[in-house]
């Protein structure tokens, strides 16, 4: 289901497939939106990375920017998990 959602988000993402990472285009509202999509990872079997990638594409970010932002969004939770261990 997550894979289909990611495919659909990428397929219907307003044709934004340009190259180049444009993190400057990630507004506060888009960042909040991607964060809300990240909560889909609470559903068993849905990955955090997949949900943030889907959210970024739906919100109009290009593939490269979405991948970079998804990676950066995982940094705080990964650091917290390491500190907890």
C-alpha atoms as a PDB file:
ATOM      1  CA  UNK A   1       0.000   0.000   0.000  1.00  0.00           C
ATOM      2  CA  UNK A   2       2.845   2.378   0.859  1.00  0.00           C
ATOM      3  CA  UNK A   3       4.575   1.647  -2.429  1.00  0.00           C
ATOM      4  CA  UNK A   4       1.394   2.373  -4.353  1.00  0.00           C
ATOM      5  CA  UNK A   5       0.936   5.637  -2.451  1.00  0.00           C
ATOM      6  CA  UNK A   6       4.491   6.682  -3.257  1.00  0.00           C
ATOM      7  CA  UNK A   7       4.028   5.789  -6.929  1.00  0.00           C
ATOM      8  CA  UNK A   8       0.745   7.728  -7.093  1.00  0.00           C
ATOM      9  CA  UNK A   9       2.256  10.761  -5.355  1.00  0.00           C
ATOM     10  CA  UNK A  10       5.178  10.754  -7.780  1.00  0.00           C
ATOM     11  CA  UNK A  11       2.983  10.159 -10.824  1.00  0.00           C
ATOM     12  CA  UNK A  12       0.476  12.921 -10.054  1.00  0.00           C
ATOM     13  CA  UNK A  13       2.929  15.460  -8.570  1.00  0.00           C
ATOM     14  CA  UNK A  14       2.202  18.364 -10.892  1.00  0.00           C
ATOM     15  CA  UNK A  15       4.979  17.336 -13.301  1.00  0.00           C
ATOM     16  CA  UNK A  16       7.737  18.606 -10.980  1.00  0.00           C
ATOM     17  CA  UNK A  17      10.627  16.343 -11.938  1.00  0.00           C
ATOM     18  CA  UNK A  18      13.352  18.961 -12.269  1.00  0.00           C
ATOM     19  CA  UNK A  19      16.890  18.172 -11.235  1.00  0.00           C
ATOM     20  CA  UNK A  20      18.730  19.895  -8.430  1.00  0.00           C
ATOM     21  CA  UNK A  21      18.262  20.051  -4.703  1.00  0.00           C
ATOM     22  CA  UNK A  22      16.291  23.127  -3.695  1.00  0.00           C
ATOM     23  CA  UNK A  23      15.940  22.969   0.077  1.00  0.00           C
ATOM     24  CA  UNK A  24      15.374  26.718   0.078  1.00  0.00           C
ATOM     25  CA  UNK A  25      11.938  25.987  -1.459  1.00  0.00           C
ATOM     26  CA  UNK A  26      10.865  23.998   1.601  1.00  0.00           C
ATOM     27  CA  UNK A  27       8.646  26.502   3.372  1.00  0.00           C
ATOM     28  CA  UNK A  28       7.537  26.142   6.974  1.00  0.00           C
ATOM     29  CA  UNK A  29       4.107  24.985   5.851  1.00  0.00           C
ATOM     30  CA  UNK A  30       5.556  22.344   3.511  1.00  0.00           C
ATOM     31  CA  UNK A  31       7.872  21.144   6.280  1.00  0.00           C
ATOM     32  CA  UNK A  32       4.878  20.863   8.629  1.00  0.00           C
ATOM     33  CA  UNK A  33       2.943  19.005   5.946  1.00  0.00           C
ATOM     34  CA  UNK A  34       5.780  16.515   5.428  1.00  0.00           C
ATOM     35  CA  UNK A  35       5.935  16.076   9.201  1.00  0.00           C
ATOM     36  CA  UNK A  36       2.226  15.288   9.274  1.00  0.00           C
ATOM     37  CA  UNK A  37       2.710  12.726   6.519  1.00  0.00           C
ATOM     38  CA  UNK A  38       5.491  11.245   8.643  1.00  0.00           C
ATOM     39  CA  UNK A  39       2.871  10.266  11.214  1.00  0.00           C
ATOM     40  CA  UNK A  40       1.608   7.696   8.689  1.00  0.00           C
ATOM     41  CA  UNK A  41       4.614   5.646   9.799  1.00  0.00           C
ATOM     42  CA  UNK A  42       2.604   4.816  12.941  1.00  0.00           C
ATOM     43  CA  UNK A  43       0.570   2.467  10.733  1.00  0.00           C
ATOM     44  CA  UNK A  44       2.146  -0.995  10.871  1.00  0.00           C
ATOM     45  CA  UNK A  45       4.070  -1.720   7.684  1.00  0.00           C
ATOM     46  CA  UNK A  46       4.332   1.917   6.556  1.00  0.00           C
ATOM     47  CA  UNK A  47       7.868   3.254   6.492  1.00  0.00           C
ATOM     48  CA  UNK A  48       8.804   6.669   7.808  1.00  0.00           C
ATOM     49  CA  UNK A  49      10.950   7.352   4.790  1.00  0.00           C
ATOM     50  CA  UNK A  50       8.218   6.311   2.372  1.00  0.00           C
ATOM     51  CA  UNK A  51       5.622   8.464   4.074  1.00  0.00           C
ATOM     52  CA  UNK A  52       7.837  11.558   4.057  1.00  0.00           C
ATOM     53  CA  UNK A  53       8.754  10.965   0.405  1.00  0.00           C
ATOM     54  CA  UNK A  54       5.074  10.639  -0.469  1.00  0.00           C
ATOM     55  CA  UNK A  55       4.219  13.803   1.455  1.00  0.00           C
ATOM     56  CA  UNK A  56       6.984  15.835  -0.148  1.00  0.00           C
ATOM     57  CA  UNK A  57       5.945  14.817  -3.654  1.00  0.00           C
ATOM     58  CA  UNK A  58       2.264  15.536  -2.943  1.00  0.00           C
ATOM     59  CA  UNK A  59       3.225  18.976  -1.622  1.00  0.00           C
ATOM     60  CA  UNK A  60       5.067  19.774  -4.861  1.00  0.00           C
ATOM     61  CA  UNK A  61       8.726  19.219  -3.997  1.00  0.00           C
ATOM     62  CA  UNK A  62      10.920  17.603  -6.637  1.00  0.00           C
ATOM     63  CA  UNK A  63      12.395  14.140  -6.139  1.00  0.00           C
ATOM     64  CA  UNK A  64      15.868  15.242  -5.098  1.00  0.00           C
ATOM     65  CA  UNK A  65      14.668  17.848  -2.609  1.00  0.00           C
ATOM     66  CA  UNK A  66      12.172  15.391  -1.134  1.00  0.00           C
ATOM     67  CA  UNK A  67      14.842  12.718  -0.662  1.00  0.00           C
ATOM     68  CA  UNK A  68      17.262  15.170   0.967  1.00  0.00           C
ATOM     69  CA  UNK A  69      14.560  16.585   3.262  1.00  0.00           C
ATOM     70  CA  UNK A  70      13.425  13.071   4.224  1.00  0.00           C
ATOM     71  CA  UNK A  71      16.988  12.170   5.181  1.00  0.00           C
ATOM     72  CA  UNK A  72      17.415  15.370   7.213  1.00  0.00           C
ATOM     73  CA  UNK A  73      14.084  14.791   8.968  1.00  0.00           C
ATOM     74  CA  UNK A  74      15.303  11.398  10.167  1.00  0.00           C
ATOM     75  CA  UNK A  75      18.388  12.840  11.875  1.00  0.00           C
ATOM     76  CA  UNK A  76      16.772  13.987  15.166  1.00  0.00           C
ATOM     77  CA  UNK A  77      14.839  10.758  15.755  1.00  0.00           C
ATOM     78  CA  UNK A  78      17.887   8.634  14.903  1.00  0.00           C
ATOM     79  CA  UNK A  79      20.031  10.651  17.317  1.00  0.00           C
ATOM     80  CA  UNK A  80      17.374  10.297  20.033  1.00  0.00           C
ATOM     81  CA  UNK A  81      17.206   6.521  19.509  1.00  0.00           C
ATOM     82  CA  UNK A  82      20.989   6.279  19.780  1.00  0.00           C
ATOM     83  CA  UNK A  83      20.990   8.363  22.956  1.00  0.00           C
ATOM     84  CA  UNK A  84      18.267   6.174  24.453  1.00  0.00           C
ATOM     85  CA  UNK A  85      20.315   3.038  23.764  1.00  0.00           C
END
